[in-house]
Amino acid sequence: MENKIAQLYNPQVFFAAERTLLAWQRSSISFIALGFVIEKFGIFIKYLKIANDINVNSVQASAFIGIFFIAIGSLICLLSAIQYQAFTKTLSKNELPTRYFIFLGPLVSYTIFFTAIGLATWLIISNSFVM
């Protein structure tokens, strides 16, 4: 019985949840970076002028696919922060570490989310879709 009670008040549960949040943050940053590279690759091909007849649709498709990846990455980051906060609300005071900035993980996630949304908005407004 004592072993079961000791497991209920284990702060390692919180740190496991935080590691999971960090893994989702890394994944979302990877999606955002890949989307940025895909979006800019279409413009690179356009300016490189490898062939005289570069299909404008392929450049626009590259932009749409890149912005889609950025949007997916930002959505992953937002949902992981929401899930992390919902989970930490279920933990008791004994399971939370003392003198620890619990809000810092979600704060980083929200910063990544809003930065990615700003990046996607900038890419949409920029000259990416000009023929």
Protein backbone atom coordinates (compact mmCIF):
# COMPACT_ATOMS: atom_id res chain seq x y z
CA MET A 1 0.00 0.00 0.00
CA GLU A 2 2.83 2.41 0.82
CA ASN A 3 4.45 1.82 -2.57
CA LYS A 4 1.19 2.75 -4.34
CA ILE A 5 0.90 5.98 -2.34
CA ALA A 6 4.53 6.83 -3.08
CA GLN A 7 3.84 6.44 -6.80
CA LEU A 8 0.90 8.84 -6.62
CA TYR A 9 3.12 11.67 -5.38
CA ASN A 10 5.95 11.24 -7.83
CA PRO A 11 7.31 14.47 -9.40
CA GLN A 12 8.76 12.41 -12.25
CA VAL A 13 5.28 12.35 -13.77
CA PHE A 14 5.46 16.10 -14.28
CA PHE A 15 8.92 15.94 -15.82
CA ALA A 16 7.78 13.20 -18.20
CA ALA A 17 4.96 15.46 -19.34
CA GLU A 18 7.43 18.30 -19.81
CA ARG A 19 9.76 16.10 -21.87
CA THR A 20 6.79 15.17 -24.04
CA LEU A 21 5.99 18.87 -24.53
CA LEU A 22 9.60 19.52 -25.52
CA ALA A 23 9.48 16.66 -28.04
CA TRP A 24 6.35 18.15 -29.60
CA GLN A 25 8.04 21.56 -29.71
CA ARG A 26 11.01 20.08 -31.58
CA SER A 27 8.68 18.36 -34.01
CA SER A 28 6.71 21.52 -34.65
CA ILE A 29 9.89 23.55 -35.21
CA SER A 30 10.99 20.91 -37.72
CA PHE A 31 7.68 21.20 -39.59
CA ILE A 32 7.93 25.00 -39.59
CA ALA A 33 11.52 24.97 -40.84
CA LEU A 34 10.73 22.42 -43.54
CA GLY A 35 7.76 24.51 -44.66
CA PHE A 36 9.93 27.61 -44.88
CA VAL A 37 12.53 25.77 -46.95
CA ILE A 38 9.88 24.34 -49.30
CA GLU A 39 8.27 27.76 -49.74
CA LYS A 40 11.55 29.50 -50.47
CA PHE A 41 12.73 26.73 -52.81
CA GLY A 42 10.06 27.68 -55.35
CA ILE A 43 11.28 31.26 -55.36
CA PHE A 44 14.87 30.04 -55.64
CA ILE A 45 14.02 28.00 -58.74
CA LYS A 46 12.19 30.99 -60.22
CA TYR A 47 15.15 33.31 -59.75
CA LEU A 48 17.72 30.74 -60.73
CA LYS A 49 16.06 30.38 -64.13
CA ILE A 50 17.26 26.85 -64.74
CA ALA A 51 14.88 26.59 -67.67
CA ASN A 52 13.40 29.35 -69.75
CA ASP A 53 9.88 28.12 -69.20
CA ILE A 54 9.40 27.69 -65.49
CA ASN A 55 5.85 26.78 -64.73
CA VAL A 56 4.35 29.42 -62.46
CA ASN A 57 2.03 26.80 -60.99
CA SER A 58 4.98 24.84 -59.65
CA VAL A 59 6.28 27.94 -57.85
CA GLN A 60 2.84 28.60 -56.40
CA ALA A 61 2.44 24.94 -55.43
CA SER A 62 5.75 25.13 -53.59
CA ALA A 63 4.49 28.20 -51.73
CA PHE A 64 1.19 26.58 -50.78
CA ILE A 65 2.86 23.35 -49.62
CA GLY A 66 5.41 25.31 -47.58
CA ILE A 67 2.77 27.44 -45.91
CA PHE A 68 0.74 24.29 -45.21
CA PHE A 69 3.73 22.74 -43.40
CA ILE A 70 4.20 25.95 -41.39
CA ALA A 71 0.51 25.91 -40.43
CA ILE A 72 0.69 22.24 -39.40
CA GLY A 73 3.79 22.91 -37.30
CA SER A 74 2.17 25.84 -35.54
CA LEU A 75 -1.00 23.84 -34.89
CA ILE A 76 1.04 20.97 -33.41
CA CYS A 77 2.78 23.42 -31.09
CA LEU A 78 -0.50 25.01 -29.97
CA LEU A 79 -2.23 21.70 -29.31
CA SER A 80 0.74 20.31 -27.40
CA ALA A 81 0.76 23.34 -25.10
CA ILE A 82 -2.98 23.03 -24.48
CA GLN A 83 -2.63 19.31 -23.74
CA TYR A 84 0.31 19.93 -21.40
CA GLN A 85 -1.58 22.57 -19.45
CA ALA A 86 -4.65 20.34 -19.19
CA PHE A 87 -2.50 17.50 -17.88
CA THR A 88 -0.64 19.60 -15.31
CA LYS A 89 -3.99 20.76 -13.88
CA THR A 90 -4.74 17.15 -12.99
CA LEU A 91 -1.56 16.80 -10.91
CA SER A 92 -1.58 17.34 -7.18
CA LYS A 93 0.66 19.86 -5.43
CA ASN A 94 2.98 17.05 -4.33
CA GLU A 95 3.54 15.98 -7.94
CA LEU A 96 4.59 19.47 -9.02
CA PRO A 97 8.18 20.50 -8.29
CA THR A 98 8.63 23.35 -5.85
CA ARG A 99 10.16 26.65 -7.02
CA TYR A 100 9.90 25.63 -10.66
CA PHE A 101 8.60 27.76 -13.53
CA ILE A 102 5.79 25.50 -14.71
CA PHE A 103 4.49 28.17 -17.12
CA LEU A 104 7.76 28.34 -19.09
CA GLY A 105 7.13 25.32 -21.36
CA PRO A 106 3.73 26.49 -22.58
CA LEU A 107 5.07 30.04 -22.91
CA VAL A 108 7.73 28.80 -25.33
CA SER A 109 5.06 26.83 -27.23
CA TYR A 110 2.80 29.86 -27.57
CA THR A 111 5.77 31.95 -28.70
CA ILE A 112 6.60 29.38 -31.39
CA PHE A 113 2.93 29.28 -32.42
CA PHE A 114 2.54 33.05 -32.82
CA THR A 115 5.92 33.36 -34.54
CA ALA A 116 4.95 30.64 -37.03
CA ILE A 117 1.60 32.29 -37.70
CA GLY A 118 3.42 35.57 -38.28
CA LEU A 119 5.84 33.82 -40.63
CA ALA A 120 3.01 32.21 -42.59
CA THR A 121 1.19 35.54 -42.81
CA TRP A 122 4.34 37.27 -44.01
CA LEU A 123 4.91 34.59 -46.65
CA ILE A 124 1.33 34.92 -47.86
CA ILE A 125 1.52 38.71 -48.05
CA SER A 126 4.99 38.77 -49.58
CA ASN A 127 5.72 38.43 -53.26
CA SER A 128 5.47 34.65 -53.19
CA PHE A 129 2.24 34.61 -55.19
CA VAL A 130 3.17 37.27 -57.71
CA MET A 131 3.43 35.78 -61.17
